């Protein structure tokens, strides 16, 4: 075997090894069906500085904790925490503290593994009683790579309105959350 052929073989082997190292975590599991449902999580959205009736730039962080996940299909998880932010929201006021957009959320599972998904979020007022914020996207890194993640939080509008009456503004809001991870073949 010539020196050139041997060097080419070594280079090719090293290249393939390096490519395997940089492949997204969980990519080999992309074809596995997944159905994880996490119900009745607690959620907190924080504002720094507090949201008042005066528009200003505010850093917003949202997090939810789930202690009761049910894995119907796929690798079992029992609980997890989801976080996004802080993201700066320009011109945020107390009258619109649930303003939505796009970003990245990280789920940390009880197994020590994580899932990261890029999301687009929307908020919908339901009969003036609650506001539902939904973050939806595809898991791009980590556990359940390629699955669809949907994170929904329900906030009580009356509590938001009451908090807005405080001259100091709203520094945090609590809500009830649900998380689903799905992939069907």
N, C-alpha and C. Protein backbone atom coordinates (compact mmCIF):
# COMPACT_ATOMS: atom_id res chain seq x y z
N UNK A 1 0.85 -1.16 0.00
CA UNK A 1 0.00 0.00 0.00
C UNK A 1 0.90 1.23 0.00
N UNK A 2 0.58 2.17 -0.84
CA UNK A 2 1.41 3.37 -0.94
C UNK A 2 1.20 4.27 0.27
N UNK A 3 2.17 5.14 0.50
CA UNK A 3 2.09 6.10 1.61
C UNK A 3 0.89 7.02 1.43
N UNK A 4 0.63 7.44 0.20
CA UNK A 4 -0.49 8.33 -0.07
C UNK A 4 -1.82 7.65 0.26
N UNK A 5 -1.97 6.40 -0.14
CA UNK A 5 -3.19 5.65 0.14
C UNK A 5 -3.39 5.47 1.64
N UNK A 6 -2.30 5.15 2.34
CA UNK A 6 -2.36 4.97 3.80
C UNK A 6 -2.76 6.28 4.48
N UNK A 7 -2.14 7.39 4.07
CA UNK A 7 -2.47 8.70 4.66
C UNK A 7 -3.93 9.07 4.39
N UNK A 8 -4.37 8.81 3.16
CA UNK A 8 -5.76 9.11 2.82
C UNK A 8 -6.71 8.28 3.68
N UNK A 9 -6.38 7.01 3.90
CA UNK A 9 -7.21 6.15 4.75
C UNK A 9 -7.25 6.64 6.19
N UNK A 10 -6.10 7.06 6.73
CA UNK A 10 -6.05 7.58 8.10
C UNK A 10 -6.86 8.87 8.20
N UNK A 11 -6.69 9.76 7.21
CA UNK A 11 -7.42 11.03 7.22
C UNK A 11 -8.93 10.79 7.15
N UNK A 12 -9.35 9.87 6.29
CA UNK A 12 -10.77 9.55 6.15
C UNK A 12 -11.33 8.97 7.45
N UNK A 13 -10.60 8.09 8.08
CA UNK A 13 -11.04 7.50 9.36
C UNK A 13 -11.20 8.57 10.43
N UNK A 14 -10.22 9.46 10.52
CA UNK A 14 -10.28 10.54 11.51
C UNK A 14 -11.44 11.49 11.22
N UNK A 15 -11.67 11.78 9.94
CA UNK A 15 -12.77 12.67 9.56
C UNK A 15 -14.11 12.08 9.95
N UNK A 16 -14.31 10.80 9.67
CA UNK A 16 -15.57 10.15 10.03
C UNK A 16 -15.76 10.12 11.54
N UNK A 17 -14.69 9.86 12.28
CA UNK A 17 -14.76 9.86 13.74
C UNK A 17 -15.15 11.24 14.26
N UNK A 18 -14.53 12.29 13.73
CA UNK A 18 -14.85 13.66 14.16
C UNK A 18 -16.28 14.03 13.80
N UNK A 19 -16.74 13.61 12.63
CA UNK A 19 -18.12 13.90 12.23
C UNK A 19 -19.11 13.25 13.19
N UNK A 20 -18.80 12.06 13.66
CA UNK A 20 -19.67 11.38 14.62
C UNK A 20 -19.69 12.13 15.95
N UNK A 21 -18.58 12.74 16.32
CA UNK A 21 -18.53 13.48 17.59
C UNK A 21 -19.36 14.74 17.56
N UNK A 22 -19.47 15.40 16.41
CA UNK A 22 -20.20 16.66 16.34
C UNK A 22 -21.65 16.49 15.89
N UNK A 23 -22.10 15.28 15.63
CA UNK A 23 -23.50 15.04 15.28
C UNK A 23 -24.36 15.44 16.47
N UNK A 24 -25.53 16.01 16.23
CA UNK A 24 -26.39 16.42 17.33
C UNK A 24 -26.67 15.26 18.28
N UNK A 25 -26.60 15.55 19.57
CA UNK A 25 -26.89 14.52 20.57
C UNK A 25 -28.29 13.98 20.35
N UNK A 26 -28.45 12.70 20.36
CA UNK A 26 -29.76 12.10 20.18
C UNK A 26 -30.13 11.86 18.73
N UNK A 27 -29.27 12.26 17.79
CA UNK A 27 -29.62 12.14 16.38
C UNK A 27 -29.86 10.69 15.98
N UNK A 28 -29.15 9.76 16.61
CA UNK A 28 -29.34 8.35 16.26
C UNK A 28 -30.70 7.85 16.71
N UNK A 29 -31.36 8.56 17.62
CA UNK A 29 -32.66 8.14 18.10
C UNK A 29 -33.80 8.85 17.38
N UNK A 30 -33.48 9.60 16.32
CA UNK A 30 -34.46 10.44 15.66
C UNK A 30 -35.66 9.66 15.13
N UNK A 31 -35.50 8.39 14.82
CA UNK A 31 -36.60 7.63 14.24
C UNK A 31 -37.51 7.00 15.28
N UNK A 32 -37.15 7.08 16.55
CA UNK A 32 -37.93 6.44 17.61
C UNK A 32 -39.21 7.24 17.89
N UNK A 33 -40.39 6.59 17.93
CA UNK A 33 -41.60 7.32 18.29
C UNK A 33 -41.53 7.77 19.75
N UNK A 34 -42.11 8.93 20.02
CA UNK A 34 -42.05 9.51 21.36
C UNK A 34 -43.41 10.09 21.72
N UNK A 35 -43.83 9.86 22.95
CA UNK A 35 -45.02 10.52 23.49
C UNK A 35 -44.82 10.70 24.99
N UNK A 36 -44.50 11.93 25.38
CA UNK A 36 -44.31 12.28 26.79
C UNK A 36 -45.31 13.38 27.11
N UNK A 37 -46.06 13.20 28.20
CA UNK A 37 -47.05 14.19 28.63
C UNK A 37 -46.76 14.56 30.07
N UNK A 38 -46.53 15.85 30.31
CA UNK A 38 -46.28 16.36 31.66
C UNK A 38 -47.41 17.34 31.99
N UNK A 39 -48.26 16.97 32.93
CA UNK A 39 -49.44 17.76 33.29
C UNK A 39 -49.24 18.52 34.58
N UNK A 40 -50.03 19.55 34.78
CA UNK A 40 -50.14 20.29 36.04
C UNK A 40 -48.80 20.74 36.61
N UNK A 41 -47.98 21.31 35.75
CA UNK A 41 -46.73 21.90 36.22
C UNK A 41 -46.98 23.29 36.78
N UNK A 42 -46.06 23.75 37.59
CA UNK A 42 -46.14 25.12 38.11
C UNK A 42 -45.20 25.98 37.27
N UNK A 43 -45.65 27.19 36.97
CA UNK A 43 -44.88 28.06 36.10
C UNK A 43 -44.73 29.44 36.71
N UNK A 44 -43.59 30.07 36.44
CA UNK A 44 -43.34 31.44 36.89
C UNK A 44 -42.73 32.23 35.75
N UNK A 45 -43.27 33.42 35.52
CA UNK A 45 -42.69 34.35 34.56
C UNK A 45 -42.20 35.54 35.37
N UNK A 46 -40.90 35.88 35.25
CA UNK A 46 -40.34 36.99 36.01
C UNK A 46 -39.96 38.14 35.09
N UNK A 47 -40.04 39.34 35.65
CA UNK A 47 -39.76 40.57 34.92
C UNK A 47 -38.70 41.37 35.67
N UNK A 48 -37.65 41.79 34.95
CA UNK A 48 -36.60 42.59 35.57
C UNK A 48 -36.22 43.72 34.63
N UNK A 49 -36.52 44.97 35.02
CA UNK A 49 -37.24 45.39 36.22
C UNK A 49 -38.72 45.05 36.10
N UNK A 50 -39.47 45.31 37.15
CA UNK A 50 -40.90 44.99 37.19
C UNK A 50 -41.64 45.71 36.06
N UNK A 51 -42.67 45.06 35.53
CA UNK A 51 -43.51 45.66 34.50
C UNK A 51 -44.48 46.63 35.16
N UNK A 52 -44.53 47.85 34.66
CA UNK A 52 -45.46 48.87 35.16
C UNK A 52 -46.30 49.35 33.99
N UNK A 53 -47.07 50.39 34.18
CA UNK A 53 -47.88 50.93 33.09
C UNK A 53 -47.04 51.79 32.14
N UNK A 54 -45.80 52.07 32.50
CA UNK A 54 -44.90 52.84 31.65
C UNK A 54 -44.09 51.88 30.77
N UNK A 55 -44.16 52.03 29.45
CA UNK A 55 -43.40 51.12 28.57
C UNK A 55 -41.89 51.22 28.84
N UNK A 56 -41.24 50.07 28.92
CA UNK A 56 -39.79 50.04 29.07
C UNK A 56 -39.26 48.68 28.65
N UNK A 57 -37.94 48.63 28.48
CA UNK A 57 -37.29 47.38 28.11
C UNK A 57 -37.14 46.52 29.36
N UNK A 58 -37.62 45.29 29.28
CA UNK A 58 -37.65 44.40 30.44
C UNK A 58 -37.11 43.03 30.05
N UNK A 59 -36.26 42.46 30.90
CA UNK A 59 -35.80 41.09 30.71
C UNK A 59 -36.85 40.14 31.27
N UNK A 60 -37.28 39.20 30.45
CA UNK A 60 -38.33 38.25 30.83
C UNK A 60 -37.75 36.84 30.83
N UNK A 61 -38.00 36.12 31.93
CA UNK A 61 -37.60 34.72 32.06
C UNK A 61 -38.84 33.91 32.41
N UNK A 62 -39.02 32.78 31.77
CA UNK A 62 -40.16 31.91 32.06
C UNK A 62 -39.63 30.53 32.40
N UNK A 63 -40.19 29.93 33.45
CA UNK A 63 -39.78 28.57 33.83
C UNK A 63 -40.99 27.79 34.33
N UNK A 64 -40.95 26.49 34.12
CA UNK A 64 -41.99 25.58 34.60
C UNK A 64 -41.34 24.34 35.17
N UNK A 65 -41.94 23.80 36.23
CA UNK A 65 -41.46 22.56 36.86
C UNK A 65 -42.56 21.52 36.78
N UNK A 66 -42.19 20.32 36.33
CA UNK A 66 -43.14 19.21 36.20
C UNK A 66 -42.64 18.04 37.02
N UNK A 67 -43.52 17.50 37.87
CA UNK A 67 -43.12 16.35 38.69
C UNK A 67 -43.93 15.10 38.37
N UNK A 68 -44.70 15.16 37.31
CA UNK A 68 -45.61 14.05 37.01
C UNK A 68 -45.68 13.77 35.51
N UNK A 69 -44.55 13.45 34.91
CA UNK A 69 -44.53 13.16 33.48
C UNK A 69 -44.89 11.70 33.22
N UNK A 70 -45.68 11.48 32.19
CA UNK A 70 -46.07 10.14 31.77
C UNK A 70 -45.44 9.87 30.41
N UNK A 71 -44.62 8.85 30.32
CA UNK A 71 -44.01 8.47 29.05
C UNK A 71 -44.82 7.32 28.47
N UNK A 72 -45.52 7.59 27.37
CA UNK A 72 -46.33 6.57 26.70
C UNK A 72 -45.46 5.80 25.71
N UNK A 73 -44.62 6.50 24.97
CA UNK A 73 -43.70 5.90 24.01
C UNK A 73 -42.33 6.54 24.17
N UNK A 74 -41.28 5.76 23.99
CA UNK A 74 -39.93 6.31 24.02
C UNK A 74 -39.23 6.12 25.35
N UNK A 75 -38.09 6.77 25.48
CA UNK A 75 -37.27 6.67 26.68
C UNK A 75 -37.97 7.36 27.85
N UNK A 76 -38.08 6.68 28.96
CA UNK A 76 -38.86 7.14 30.11
C UNK A 76 -38.21 8.31 30.82
N UNK A 77 -39.03 9.33 31.11
CA UNK A 77 -38.67 10.42 32.02
C UNK A 77 -39.81 10.56 33.02
N UNK A 78 -39.49 11.01 34.22
CA UNK A 78 -40.50 11.16 35.27
C UNK A 78 -40.85 12.60 35.55
N UNK A 79 -39.86 13.49 35.41
CA UNK A 79 -40.11 14.92 35.65
C UNK A 79 -39.08 15.74 34.90
N UNK A 80 -39.34 17.05 34.86
CA UNK A 80 -38.43 17.95 34.17
C UNK A 80 -38.71 19.39 34.47
N UNK A 81 -37.78 20.25 34.11
CA UNK A 81 -37.91 21.70 34.26
C UNK A 81 -37.65 22.34 32.91
N UNK A 82 -38.49 23.32 32.55
CA UNK A 82 -38.35 24.03 31.28
C UNK A 82 -38.04 25.48 31.59
N UNK A 83 -37.06 26.06 30.89
CA UNK A 83 -36.75 27.48 31.06
C UNK A 83 -36.50 28.13 29.71
N UNK A 84 -36.80 29.41 29.66
CA UNK A 84 -36.47 30.23 28.51
C UNK A 84 -36.11 31.62 29.00
N UNK A 85 -35.14 32.21 28.37
CA UNK A 85 -34.74 33.56 28.74
C UNK A 85 -33.54 33.59 29.65
N UNK A 86 -33.17 34.78 30.08
CA UNK A 86 -33.92 36.02 29.91
C UNK A 86 -33.81 36.57 28.48
N UNK A 87 -34.96 37.08 28.01
CA UNK A 87 -35.04 37.75 26.73
C UNK A 87 -35.52 39.17 26.98
N UNK A 88 -34.88 40.14 26.33
CA UNK A 88 -35.31 41.52 26.50
C UNK A 88 -36.52 41.79 25.61
N UNK A 89 -37.56 42.30 26.22
CA UNK A 89 -38.77 42.70 25.49
C UNK A 89 -38.83 44.22 25.51
N UNK A 90 -38.87 44.82 24.35
CA UNK A 90 -38.86 46.28 24.21
C UNK A 90 -40.26 46.84 24.38
N UNK A 91 -40.38 47.90 25.18
CA UNK A 91 -41.66 48.59 25.34
C UNK A 91 -42.72 47.79 26.08
N UNK A 92 -42.31 46.86 26.92
CA UNK A 92 -43.26 46.02 27.66
C UNK A 92 -43.93 46.84 28.75
N UNK A 93 -45.21 46.62 28.96
CA UNK A 93 -45.95 47.29 30.03
C UNK A 93 -46.73 46.25 30.82
N UNK A 94 -47.30 46.70 31.91
CA UNK A 94 -48.11 45.82 32.75
C UNK A 94 -49.36 45.34 32.01
N UNK A 95 -49.80 46.11 31.02
CA UNK A 95 -51.00 45.71 30.29
C UNK A 95 -50.72 44.63 29.25
N UNK A 96 -49.45 44.36 28.96
CA UNK A 96 -49.12 43.30 27.99
C UNK A 96 -47.89 42.49 28.42
N UNK A 97 -47.82 42.04 29.68
CA UNK A 97 -46.60 41.35 30.13
C UNK A 97 -46.43 39.94 29.56
N UNK A 98 -47.43 39.45 28.88
CA UNK A 98 -47.34 38.10 28.31
C UNK A 98 -47.01 38.15 26.82
N UNK A 99 -46.51 39.30 26.36
CA UNK A 99 -46.12 39.43 24.95
C UNK A 99 -45.21 38.28 24.56
N UNK A 100 -45.41 37.77 23.38
CA UNK A 100 -44.72 36.56 22.95
C UNK A 100 -43.78 36.83 21.78
N UNK A 101 -43.08 35.82 21.36
CA UNK A 101 -42.14 35.94 20.25
C UNK A 101 -41.48 34.60 19.99
N UNK A 102 -40.24 34.66 19.56
CA UNK A 102 -39.48 33.44 19.27
C UNK A 102 -38.27 33.38 20.19
N UNK A 103 -37.76 32.17 20.40
CA UNK A 103 -36.59 32.00 21.26
C UNK A 103 -36.21 30.54 21.37
N UNK A 104 -35.45 30.23 22.41
CA UNK A 104 -35.01 28.86 22.66
C UNK A 104 -35.37 28.48 24.08
N UNK A 105 -35.90 27.29 24.26
CA UNK A 105 -36.23 26.77 25.59
C UNK A 105 -35.39 25.53 25.85
N UNK A 106 -35.03 25.33 27.12
CA UNK A 106 -34.27 24.16 27.53
C UNK A 106 -35.07 23.36 28.54
N UNK A 107 -35.19 22.06 28.28
CA UNK A 107 -35.84 21.15 29.22
C UNK A 107 -34.73 20.33 29.87
N UNK A 108 -34.68 20.32 31.19
CA UNK A 108 -33.74 19.49 31.92
C UNK A 108 -34.54 18.36 32.55
N UNK A 109 -34.23 17.12 32.18
CA UNK A 109 -34.99 15.96 32.63
C UNK A 109 -34.39 15.37 33.91
N UNK A 110 -35.18 14.57 34.61
CA UNK A 110 -34.72 13.92 35.85
C UNK A 110 -33.56 12.95 35.60
N UNK A 111 -33.35 12.56 34.36
CA UNK A 111 -32.26 11.64 34.01
C UNK A 111 -30.92 12.36 33.89
N UNK A 112 -30.94 13.70 34.00
CA UNK A 112 -29.73 14.49 33.80
C UNK A 112 -29.54 14.90 32.36
N UNK A 113 -30.39 14.41 31.47
CA UNK A 113 -30.32 14.77 30.06
C UNK A 113 -31.10 16.06 29.82
N UNK A 114 -30.94 16.64 28.64
CA UNK A 114 -31.64 17.86 28.29
C UNK A 114 -32.21 17.76 26.88
N UNK A 115 -33.18 18.62 26.62
CA UNK A 115 -33.72 18.82 25.28
C UNK A 115 -33.78 20.33 25.06
N UNK A 116 -33.33 20.79 23.90
CA UNK A 116 -33.43 22.21 23.56
C UNK A 116 -34.29 22.33 22.32
N UNK A 117 -35.25 23.26 22.38
CA UNK A 117 -36.06 23.49 21.19
C UNK A 117 -36.22 24.97 20.92
N UNK A 118 -36.15 25.33 19.63
CA UNK A 118 -36.44 26.68 19.20
C UNK A 118 -37.95 26.77 19.07
N UNK A 119 -38.51 27.86 19.58
CA UNK A 119 -39.97 27.96 19.58
C UNK A 119 -40.46 29.25 18.95
N UNK A 120 -41.71 29.20 18.57
CA UNK A 120 -42.50 30.38 18.27
C UNK A 120 -43.63 30.33 19.27
N UNK A 121 -43.94 31.48 19.89
CA UNK A 121 -44.98 31.46 20.91
C UNK A 121 -46.11 32.41 20.54
N UNK A 122 -47.30 32.07 21.01
CA UNK A 122 -48.49 32.90 20.82
C UNK A 122 -49.24 32.97 22.14
N UNK A 123 -49.97 34.08 22.34
CA UNK A 123 -50.82 34.17 23.52
C UNK A 123 -52.25 34.45 23.07
N UNK A 124 -53.20 33.81 23.75
CA UNK A 124 -54.61 33.94 23.42
C UNK A 124 -55.39 34.18 24.70
N UNK A 125 -56.21 35.24 24.70
CA UNK A 125 -57.09 35.50 25.84
C UNK A 125 -58.35 34.66 25.66
N UNK A 126 -58.74 33.97 26.72
CA UNK A 126 -59.93 33.12 26.65
C UNK A 126 -61.03 33.75 27.50
N UNK A 127 -62.00 34.34 26.83
CA UNK A 127 -63.17 34.95 27.47
C UNK A 127 -62.79 35.98 28.54
N UNK A 128 -61.61 36.57 28.42
CA UNK A 128 -61.19 37.57 29.39
C UNK A 128 -60.86 37.01 30.76
N UNK A 129 -60.93 35.69 30.93
CA UNK A 129 -60.69 35.07 32.24
C UNK A 129 -59.28 34.55 32.38
N UNK A 130 -58.75 33.99 31.31
CA UNK A 130 -57.39 33.45 31.34
C UNK A 130 -56.66 33.86 30.07
N UNK A 131 -55.35 33.81 30.15
CA UNK A 131 -54.52 33.98 28.96
C UNK A 131 -53.67 32.73 28.83
N UNK A 132 -53.72 32.13 27.66
CA UNK A 132 -52.98 30.90 27.38
C UNK A 132 -51.79 31.26 26.49
N UNK A 133 -50.59 30.93 26.95
CA UNK A 133 -49.38 31.15 26.16
C UNK A 133 -48.85 29.78 25.75
N UNK A 134 -48.64 29.61 24.45
CA UNK A 134 -48.14 28.34 23.93
C UNK A 134 -46.82 28.55 23.20
N UNK A 135 -45.83 27.76 23.58
CA UNK A 135 -44.51 27.74 22.94
C UNK A 135 -44.44 26.42 22.18
N UNK A 136 -44.19 26.48 20.88
CA UNK A 136 -44.13 25.24 20.08
C UNK A 136 -42.93 25.26 19.16
N UNK A 137 -42.29 24.10 19.03
CA UNK A 137 -41.14 23.99 18.15
C UNK A 137 -40.62 22.57 18.09
N UNK A 138 -39.49 22.40 17.43
CA UNK A 138 -38.87 21.09 17.25
C UNK A 138 -37.62 20.99 18.11
N UNK A 139 -37.46 19.84 18.76
CA UNK A 139 -36.26 19.59 19.57
C UNK A 139 -35.07 19.48 18.62
N UNK A 140 -34.13 20.41 18.76
CA UNK A 140 -32.97 20.46 17.86
C UNK A 140 -31.70 19.92 18.48
N UNK A 141 -31.70 19.77 19.82
CA UNK A 141 -30.51 19.27 20.52
C UNK A 141 -30.94 18.41 21.69
N UNK A 142 -30.23 17.32 21.90
CA UNK A 142 -30.41 16.52 23.10
C UNK A 142 -31.46 15.43 22.98
N UNK A 143 -31.98 15.04 24.14
CA UNK A 143 -32.96 13.96 24.25
C UNK A 143 -34.19 14.28 23.41
N UNK A 144 -34.71 13.29 22.73
CA UNK A 144 -35.89 13.40 21.86
C UNK A 144 -35.64 14.27 20.63
N UNK A 145 -34.41 14.30 20.15
CA UNK A 145 -34.05 15.07 18.96
C UNK A 145 -35.05 14.80 17.83
N UNK A 146 -35.54 15.86 17.20
CA UNK A 146 -36.46 15.75 16.08
C UNK A 146 -37.93 15.70 16.46
N UNK A 147 -38.23 15.56 17.75
CA UNK A 147 -39.63 15.51 18.20
C UNK A 147 -40.21 16.92 18.29
N UNK A 148 -41.53 17.01 18.34
CA UNK A 148 -42.21 18.29 18.51
C UNK A 148 -42.44 18.54 19.99
N UNK A 149 -42.08 19.74 20.44
CA UNK A 149 -42.30 20.13 21.84
C UNK A 149 -43.38 21.21 21.88
N UNK A 150 -44.35 21.04 22.77
CA UNK A 150 -45.39 22.03 22.98
C UNK A 150 -45.50 22.30 24.47
N UNK A 151 -45.26 23.54 24.85
CA UNK A 151 -45.26 23.97 26.26
C UNK A 151 -46.34 25.02 26.39
N UNK A 152 -47.35 24.75 27.20
CA UNK A 152 -48.49 25.65 27.34
C UNK A 152 -48.62 26.10 28.79
N UNK A 153 -48.85 27.41 28.98
CA UNK A 153 -49.02 27.97 30.32
C UNK A 153 -50.31 28.76 30.35
N UNK A 154 -51.11 28.55 31.40
CA UNK A 154 -52.37 29.28 31.58
C UNK A 154 -52.20 30.23 32.75
N UNK A 155 -52.45 31.52 32.48
CA UNK A 155 -52.40 32.56 33.51
C UNK A 155 -53.81 33.08 33.76
N UNK A 156 -54.12 33.41 35.02
CA UNK A 156 -55.43 33.96 35.38
C UNK A 156 -55.41 35.46 35.16
N UNK A 157 -56.29 35.95 34.30
CA UNK A 157 -56.32 37.37 33.94
C UNK A 157 -56.62 38.25 35.15
N UNK A 158 -57.51 37.82 36.04
CA UNK A 158 -57.86 38.63 37.22
C UNK A 158 -56.64 38.87 38.10
N UNK A 159 -55.79 37.86 38.27
CA UNK A 159 -54.58 38.03 39.07
C UNK A 159 -53.61 39.00 38.41
N UNK A 160 -53.52 38.95 37.10
CA UNK A 160 -52.68 39.89 36.37
C UNK A 160 -53.20 41.31 36.54
N UNK A 161 -54.51 41.50 36.38
CA UNK A 161 -55.10 42.83 36.53
C UNK A 161 -54.89 43.37 37.93
N UNK A 162 -55.04 42.52 38.94
CA UNK A 162 -54.83 42.93 40.32
C UNK A 162 -53.37 43.33 40.55
N UNK A 163 -52.45 42.55 40.02
CA UNK A 163 -51.02 42.85 40.17
C UNK A 163 -50.66 44.16 39.49
N UNK A 164 -51.33 44.49 38.39
CA UNK A 164 -51.04 45.74 37.68
C UNK A 164 -51.45 46.97 38.48
N UNK A 165 -52.34 46.81 39.44
CA UNK A 165 -52.75 47.95 40.27
C UNK A 165 -51.66 48.36 41.26
N UNK A 166 -50.72 47.49 41.51
CA UNK A 166 -49.62 47.79 42.42
C UNK A 166 -48.71 48.82 41.76
N UNK A 167 -48.46 49.98 42.40
CA UNK A 167 -47.60 51.00 41.80
C UNK A 167 -46.18 50.50 41.50
N UNK A 168 -45.72 49.51 42.26
CA UNK A 168 -44.38 48.96 42.02
C UNK A 168 -44.33 48.08 40.77
N UNK A 169 -45.50 47.70 40.27
CA UNK A 169 -45.56 46.89 39.07
C UNK A 169 -45.58 45.40 39.35
N UNK A 170 -45.42 44.63 38.30
CA UNK A 170 -45.47 43.17 38.37
C UNK A 170 -44.05 42.64 38.17
N UNK A 171 -43.54 41.94 39.19
CA UNK A 171 -42.20 41.36 39.06
C UNK A 171 -42.26 39.87 38.71
N UNK A 172 -43.42 39.23 38.98
CA UNK A 172 -43.57 37.82 38.58
C UNK A 172 -45.04 37.46 38.48
N UNK A 173 -45.31 36.46 37.67
CA UNK A 173 -46.66 35.92 37.50
C UNK A 173 -46.57 34.40 37.59
N UNK A 174 -47.55 33.79 38.22
CA UNK A 174 -47.61 32.33 38.31
C UNK A 174 -48.67 31.78 37.39
N UNK A 175 -48.49 30.56 36.96
CA UNK A 175 -49.46 29.91 36.10
C UNK A 175 -49.37 28.40 36.22
N UNK A 176 -50.27 27.73 35.50
CA UNK A 176 -50.30 26.27 35.45
C UNK A 176 -49.83 25.87 34.06
N UNK A 177 -48.95 24.85 34.01
CA UNK A 177 -48.32 24.51 32.73
C UNK A 177 -48.52 23.05 32.34
N UNK A 178 -48.37 22.81 31.04
CA UNK A 178 -48.40 21.46 30.47
C UNK A 178 -47.29 21.39 29.43
N UNK A 179 -46.66 20.23 29.31
CA UNK A 179 -45.61 20.01 28.33
C UNK A 179 -45.86 18.68 27.63
N UNK A 180 -45.77 18.69 26.31
CA UNK A 180 -45.86 17.44 25.55
C UNK A 180 -44.69 17.36 24.57
N UNK A 181 -44.16 16.17 24.44
CA UNK A 181 -43.10 15.87 23.47
C UNK A 181 -43.65 14.73 22.62
N UNK A 182 -43.75 14.94 21.30
CA UNK A 182 -44.34 13.90 20.45
C UNK A 182 -43.55 13.73 19.15
N UNK A 183 -43.53 12.49 18.71
CA UNK A 183 -43.02 12.17 17.37
C UNK A 183 -43.65 10.85 16.99
N UNK A 184 -44.36 10.86 15.88
CA UNK A 184 -44.95 9.62 15.36
C UNK A 184 -44.28 9.31 14.03
N UNK A 185 -44.20 8.05 13.74
CA UNK A 185 -43.56 7.64 12.48
C UNK A 185 -44.57 7.44 11.40
